[in-house]
Structures are given as structure tokens and as C-alpha cells.
Amino acid sequence: MIKQRAFLKWAGGKFGLIENISATLPSGKRLVEPFVGAGSVFLNSDFDEYLLTDVNQDLINLYQILKEDAQPYIQESQKLFTPEFNDKERYYDIRAQFNATRDPFERSILFLYMNRHGYNGLCRYNMKGGYNVPFGRYKKPYFPEKELWAFAEKAQKATFTCQCFRETFKDAKIDDVIYCDPPYAPLSPTASFTSYSGQGFKLVDQQDLATLAKASAEQGIPVLISNHDLALTRDLYQHATLEELQVRRTISQKAGKRLKVSELLALYK
């Protein structure tokens, strides 16, 4: 199987775990992802339909635009991937432009630019909703044209919605399979670096997710969850079948510091 890369860089992206996830993911008619992120599982799975949701409105807007008419989006986005835009001052000007506009098409173009030019592919907002990732200092940021077209083609099978995972679980039905890749429980009190939506993901959210997964499986809708392998998550997922994986972390900018950590796949079935 030739794996398809996502067009976005994404902290915690699942491209490297596709084989493990595919081997564990139950079969069904529709795949439901309440935390779609960059969409690696969506891109590398084969379901008849997809319900892909996230609390990040910019992410969902971008995906909807690609689904509806990819050509103008790709054409306009490519204009920002030239040497003159790979500049610290230009980056901060564009970030300010992004935070000032509410136009979905404009924000979607700038979102891809910042994702590829910003520090380590992070997606982070402050408490006021302002995108605040610093400049990344890459030699030549890659414009993912092939990946954008691949996503746009696969997106014809998908419905994209901006909503909380709790709402997505309510939308699930028999013949669905749910895959959850939530913001991970932190390895240490200082390790929770990401805020994908400006609201954060708290312990009560982790607990609610585990409760919903158990209830869903009891109703005949299987759920697979990824997370760090911690005493906390093992306790949360005590009603699931657990598989331990060793995963190389990709969030450190220095490759030598990307140590392997233990993760869990928790299957409720």
C-alpha cells in the first residue's frame, strides 16, 4: 500500500502509525473522526463515507473549500510559496493579516502558508483566538500541490463539520466506526504545548471521551482512541482492549531529541 501524506504539517499526525491503526480499526460503512486534524487516517483508509469534524473552524473551512472547488484555492495558495515570502517580516505581516480577517477563503490561504512557514508545523492560538506560531526559518518551504489534489479528490466522500467531539458522538449511527485522535494527555505538567482551538483540552474532556467511547461501543458502534501510554490513560481506558506502541515524537525541531515514547491504541468494541 502506498501511503498518502497529508498536505498540512501536524503535531501528533498519524502518518507513521497508519499500519497499526488500519490493523486495529474495525470495518464499517462510515468512518467518523471527531478530531480529524491533518486527516492522515482519512486519507489512508477505505470507507464508503466519512464524517470528519474538529473544533478548529479554520481547518474545517479549508477542507470544505478544497472539497467544493480546489483549483482556485491551490492556484492562489501557491503564490505565497516563493523566496520573497520566506521571510520573517513577511511571515509576521501575513500572520497579522490572518488574525485581522474573517473571510474564510483568505484565512484558508494564509493558514496553509503559516502551516508550512511557521515553527515546526505547529497550529496554535492564544486565548483570544489569535494565531501565534512564530516564524519557522525553513530553507525552502514545500508547496504540497500533489497532496492538496489528493485530499480534494478523497474529500468527495466526506462531510466536514466544525463541532465538539461530544456532538460528533451524537451524530454516530450503526455501521459507523469512530476513530479518535484527541489532544494527548501531557507527559508532564509542562508538556502540554498545543492549543489547537484556543480553548485547550482538559482532564474532564479526556474523561468524557472515554465515557462516550464505552457508551458508543455498548450501542454497537466501535471506537478506537490514540493517546499517550500513562497511568492516567490506562485508568481512563480500563474498559477497552489496549495495544502499546513505541512512537518517535516529531514535535522537537532537533531530530536528535525526537525520542520514542509509548502510546496506546484503546479499542472499544
Protein backbone atom coordinates (compact mmCIF):
# COMPACT_ATOMS: atom_id res chain seq x y z
CA MET A 1 0.00 0.00 0.00
CA ILE A 2 1.33 3.42 -0.99
CA LYS A 3 0.59 5.80 1.85
CA GLN A 4 -0.80 9.27 1.14
CA ARG A 5 0.70 12.16 3.08
CA ALA A 6 -1.47 14.98 4.41
CA PHE A 7 -0.87 18.43 2.92
CA LEU A 8 -0.62 20.00 6.38
CA LYS A 9 2.17 19.55 8.89
CA TRP A 10 0.54 18.50 12.15
CA ALA A 11 1.85 17.86 15.65
CA GLY A 12 0.83 14.32 16.53
CA GLY A 13 -0.10 13.45 12.94
CA LYS A 14 -0.75 9.75 12.40
CA PHE A 15 1.08 9.10 9.12
CA GLY A 16 3.71 6.97 10.87
CA LEU A 17 1.08 4.84 12.63
CA ILE A 18 -1.22 4.15 9.69
CA GLU A 19 -0.36 0.44 9.54
CA ASN A 20 -1.06 -0.05 13.27
CA ILE A 21 -4.29 1.93 13.17
CA SER A 22 -5.52 0.21 10.00
CA ALA A 23 -4.86 -3.21 11.51
CA THR A 24 -6.89 -2.33 14.62
CA LEU A 25 -9.69 -0.22 13.12
CA PRO A 26 -12.92 -2.24 12.78
CA SER A 27 -14.73 -2.38 9.44
CA GLY A 28 -17.86 -0.35 8.76
CA LYS A 29 -19.63 1.76 6.19
CA ARG A 30 -18.63 5.21 7.51
CA LEU A 31 -15.57 6.40 9.41
CA VAL A 32 -16.27 9.13 11.94
CA GLU A 33 -13.35 11.26 13.18
CA PRO A 34 -14.16 13.81 15.93
CA PHE A 35 -10.55 15.09 15.88
CA VAL A 36 -9.69 14.95 12.18
CA GLY A 37 -6.52 17.06 12.39
CA ALA A 38 -4.45 16.76 9.20
CA GLY A 39 -6.50 13.74 8.08
CA SER A 40 -3.88 11.01 7.69
CA VAL A 41 -6.26 8.25 8.80
CA PHE A 42 -8.97 9.57 6.47
CA LEU A 43 -6.53 9.68 3.55
CA ASN A 44 -5.23 6.16 4.16
CA SER A 45 -8.43 4.27 4.85
CA ASP A 46 -11.15 2.91 2.59
CA PHE A 47 -14.67 3.59 3.83
CA ASP A 48 -17.73 4.38 1.73
CA GLU A 49 -18.32 7.64 3.62
CA TYR A 50 -16.62 9.89 6.17
CA LEU A 51 -17.84 12.29 8.85
CA LEU A 52 -14.83 14.45 9.74
CA THR A 53 -15.12 17.03 12.48
CA ASP A 54 -12.88 19.30 14.52
CA VAL A 55 -13.26 22.32 16.79
CA ASN A 56 -10.81 24.28 14.64
CA GLN A 57 -13.01 26.34 12.30
CA ASP A 58 -10.06 27.33 10.08
CA LEU A 59 -9.25 23.68 9.46
CA ILE A 60 -12.82 22.77 8.55
CA ASN A 61 -13.25 25.83 6.30
CA LEU A 62 -10.08 24.89 4.41
CA TYR A 63 -11.28 21.32 3.90
CA GLN A 64 -14.71 22.45 2.70
CA ILE A 65 -13.13 24.86 0.21
CA LEU A 66 -10.91 22.10 -1.17
CA LYS A 67 -13.88 19.77 -1.49
CA GLU A 68 -16.05 22.31 -3.30
CA ASP A 69 -13.51 23.85 -5.72
CA ALA A 70 -9.83 23.07 -5.29
CA GLN A 71 -8.43 24.80 -8.38
CA PRO A 72 -8.70 28.48 -7.33
CA TYR A 73 -7.56 27.67 -3.81
CA ILE A 74 -4.45 25.84 -4.94
CA GLN A 75 -3.67 28.49 -7.53
CA GLU A 76 -3.87 31.36 -5.02
CA SER A 77 -2.04 29.50 -2.25
CA GLN A 78 0.93 28.72 -4.48
CA LYS A 79 1.62 32.44 -4.93
CA LEU A 80 2.82 32.65 -1.32
CA PHE A 81 5.38 29.88 -1.75
CA THR A 82 8.15 31.94 -3.32
CA PRO A 83 11.50 33.07 -1.83
CA GLU A 84 10.20 36.60 -1.17
CA PHE A 85 7.55 35.24 1.21
CA ASN A 86 10.00 33.01 3.08
CA ASP A 87 10.96 35.98 5.21
CA LYS A 88 10.46 36.67 8.89
CA GLU A 89 8.89 40.13 8.47
CA ARG A 90 6.59 38.94 5.67
CA TYR A 91 5.53 35.99 7.80
CA TYR A 92 4.52 38.21 10.72
CA ASP A 93 2.71 40.59 8.35
CA ILE A 94 0.74 37.66 6.95
CA ARG A 95 0.02 36.32 10.44
CA ALA A 96 -1.37 39.74 11.39
CA GLN A 97 -3.45 39.75 8.19
CA PHE A 98 -4.81 36.31 9.06
CA ASN A 99 -5.79 37.40 12.57
CA ALA A 100 -7.49 40.53 11.23
CA THR A 101 -9.66 38.94 8.52
CA ARG A 102 -12.80 36.86 8.87
CA ASP A 103 -13.04 35.86 5.19
CA PRO A 104 -12.91 32.01 5.04
CA PHE A 105 -11.14 31.85 1.65
CA GLU A 106 -8.47 34.37 2.63
CA ARG A 107 -7.93 32.73 6.01
CA SER A 108 -7.62 29.32 4.36
CA ILE A 109 -4.88 30.52 2.00
CA LEU A 110 -2.96 32.18 4.83
CA PHE A 111 -3.49 29.16 7.08
CA LEU A 112 -1.63 26.87 4.67
CA TYR A 113 1.15 29.44 4.26
CA MET A 114 1.65 29.71 8.03
CA ASN A 115 1.44 25.96 8.49
CA ARG A 116 4.34 25.46 6.07
CA HIS A 117 6.39 28.53 7.06
CA GLY A 118 5.72 28.57 10.81
CA TYR A 119 7.75 26.95 13.57
CA ASN A 120 7.77 23.15 13.38
CA GLY A 121 4.34 22.88 11.77
CA LEU A 122 2.54 23.90 14.94
CA CYS A 123 -1.06 25.08 14.92
CA ARG A 124 -1.63 27.22 17.99
CA TYR A 125 -3.92 30.05 19.06
CA ASN A 126 -3.89 32.32 22.09
CA MET A 127 -6.83 32.71 24.47
CA LYS A 128 -8.27 35.48 22.30
CA GLY A 129 -8.24 33.24 19.23
CA GLY A 130 -5.19 34.83 17.60
CA TYR A 131 -2.81 32.56 15.70
CA ASN A 132 0.54 32.92 17.48
CA VAL A 133 3.03 30.43 15.99
CA PRO A 134 6.43 32.07 15.35
CA PHE A 135 8.37 32.05 12.07
CA GLY A 136 10.00 28.71 11.26
CA ARG A 137 13.18 29.64 9.35
CA TYR A 138 12.98 26.88 6.74
CA LYS A 139 15.32 26.97 3.77
CA LYS A 140 12.61 26.28 1.18
CA PRO A 141 9.09 25.52 2.43
CA TYR A 142 7.39 22.83 0.38
CA PHE A 143 4.20 23.62 -1.52
CA PRO A 144 2.10 20.43 -1.24
CA GLU A 145 0.27 20.61 -4.58
CA LYS A 146 0.01 16.84 -5.13
CA GLU A 147 -1.19 16.34 -1.57
CA LEU A 148 -3.81 19.07 -1.92
CA TRP A 149 -5.24 17.47 -5.06
CA ALA A 150 -5.28 14.03 -3.42
CA PHE A 151 -7.15 15.45 -0.43
CA ALA A 152 -9.65 17.27 -2.66
CA GLU A 153 -10.40 14.06 -4.56
CA LYS A 154 -10.89 11.94 -1.44
CA ALA A 155 -12.95 14.73 0.17
CA GLN A 156 -15.82 14.00 -2.19
CA LYS A 157 -16.69 11.08 0.12
CA ALA A 158 -16.57 13.26 3.24
CA THR A 159 -18.76 15.62 5.25
CA PHE A 160 -16.80 18.24 7.21
CA THR A 161 -18.29 19.89 10.29
CA CYS A 162 -16.88 22.20 12.95
CA GLN A 163 -18.14 20.93 16.28
CA CYS A 164 -17.15 19.48 19.65
CA PHE A 165 -16.42 15.75 19.88
CA ARG A 166 -19.45 15.34 22.13
CA GLU A 167 -21.72 16.49 19.28
CA THR A 168 -19.96 14.18 16.84
CA PHE A 169 -20.62 11.16 19.05
CA LYS A 170 -24.31 12.11 19.00
CA ASP A 171 -24.22 12.02 15.18
CA ALA A 172 -22.78 8.49 15.03
CA LYS A 173 -25.02 5.61 13.97
CA ILE A 174 -24.96 1.85 13.43
CA ASP A 175 -22.44 0.82 10.70
CA ASP A 176 -20.17 3.71 11.75
CA VAL A 177 -16.66 3.28 13.14
CA ILE A 178 -15.24 6.09 15.28
CA TYR A 179 -11.53 6.91 15.38
CA CYS A 180 -10.42 9.49 17.97
CA ASP A 181 -7.04 11.23 17.97
CA PRO A 182 -7.62 13.80 20.75
CA PRO A 183 -5.02 16.26 22.04
CA TYR A 184 -2.87 13.90 24.07
CA ALA A 185 -2.73 13.81 27.85
CA PRO A 186 0.57 15.61 28.72
CA LEU A 187 3.61 13.51 29.61
CA SER A 188 4.45 16.06 32.30
CA PRO A 189 2.78 19.17 33.78
CA THR A 190 4.80 21.39 31.41
CA ALA A 191 4.48 19.28 28.26
CA SER A 192 1.07 20.43 27.06
CA PHE A 193 2.30 22.86 24.40
CA THR A 194 -0.61 22.90 21.96
CA SER A 195 -3.93 24.68 21.91
CA TYR A 196 -5.42 23.85 18.53
CA SER A 197 -8.54 25.91 19.04
CA GLY A 198 -7.62 28.46 21.72
CA GLN A 199 -9.69 26.57 24.31
CA GLY A 200 -7.43 23.67 25.28
CA PHE A 201 -8.34 20.07 26.11
CA LYS A 202 -8.68 19.41 29.82
CA LEU A 203 -8.81 16.33 32.05
CA VAL A 204 -12.61 16.46 32.10
CA ASP A 205 -12.55 16.27 28.28
CA GLN A 206 -10.32 13.17 28.40
CA GLN A 207 -12.72 11.61 30.91
CA ASP A 208 -15.80 12.47 28.86
CA LEU A 209 -14.22 10.99 25.73
CA ALA A 210 -13.57 7.67 27.48
CA THR A 211 -17.13 7.61 28.84
CA LEU A 212 -18.62 8.33 25.41
CA ALA A 213 -16.44 5.67 23.77
CA LYS A 214 -17.63 3.00 26.23
CA ALA A 215 -21.28 4.01 25.78
CA SER A 216 -20.91 4.06 21.99
CA ALA A 217 -19.45 0.54 21.89
CA GLU A 218 -22.32 -0.68 24.08
CA GLN A 219 -24.69 0.66 21.40
CA GLY A 220 -22.86 -1.29 18.67
CA ILE A 221 -20.61 1.49 17.36
CA PRO A 222 -16.91 0.60 17.87
CA VAL A 223 -14.42 3.29 18.90
CA LEU A 224 -10.62 3.40 18.60
CA ILE A 225 -8.67 6.05 20.57
CA SER A 226 -4.99 7.05 20.40
CA ASN A 227 -3.20 8.63 23.37
CA HIS A 228 -0.01 8.59 25.41
CA ASP A 229 0.61 5.46 27.47
CA LEU A 230 0.27 6.79 31.00
CA ALA A 231 -1.19 5.58 34.28
CA LEU A 232 -3.91 8.18 33.69
CA THR A 233 -4.88 6.93 30.23
CA ARG A 234 -4.70 3.26 31.26
CA ASP A 235 -7.15 4.12 34.04
CA LEU A 236 -9.38 6.10 31.68
CA TYR A 237 -9.41 3.30 29.11
CA GLN A 238 -9.76 0.39 31.55
CA HIS A 239 -12.83 -0.89 29.67
CA ALA A 240 -11.02 -1.02 26.33
CA THR A 241 -8.62 -3.50 24.75
CA LEU A 242 -5.21 -1.81 24.88
CA GLU A 243 -2.31 -2.07 22.43
CA GLU A 244 1.03 -0.44 23.30
CA LEU A 245 3.14 1.20 20.59
CA GLN A 246 6.56 2.83 20.54
CA VAL A 247 6.34 6.08 18.58
CA ARG A 248 9.01 8.59 17.62
CA ARG A 249 7.96 12.08 18.66
CA THR A 250 8.03 14.66 15.88
CA ILE A 251 7.47 17.90 17.77
CA SER A 252 11.10 18.63 18.67
CA GLN A 253 12.76 20.64 15.91
CA LYS A 254 16.11 18.91 16.54
CA ALA A 255 15.97 15.38 15.16
CA GLY A 256 18.37 14.10 17.83
CA LYS A 257 15.85 14.97 20.53
CA ARG A 258 12.97 13.10 18.91
CA LEU A 259 12.93 10.22 21.34
CA LYS A 260 10.49 7.32 21.23
CA VAL A 261 7.56 7.39 23.63
CA SER A 262 4.90 4.82 24.44
CA GLU A 263 1.42 5.33 23.05
CA LEU A 264 -1.81 3.39 23.39
CA LEU A 265 -4.46 2.29 20.96
CA ALA A 266 -7.62 1.74 23.01
CA LEU A 267 -10.32 -0.26 21.24
CA TYR A 268 -13.90 -0.23 22.50
CA LYS A 269 -15.88 -2.90 20.72
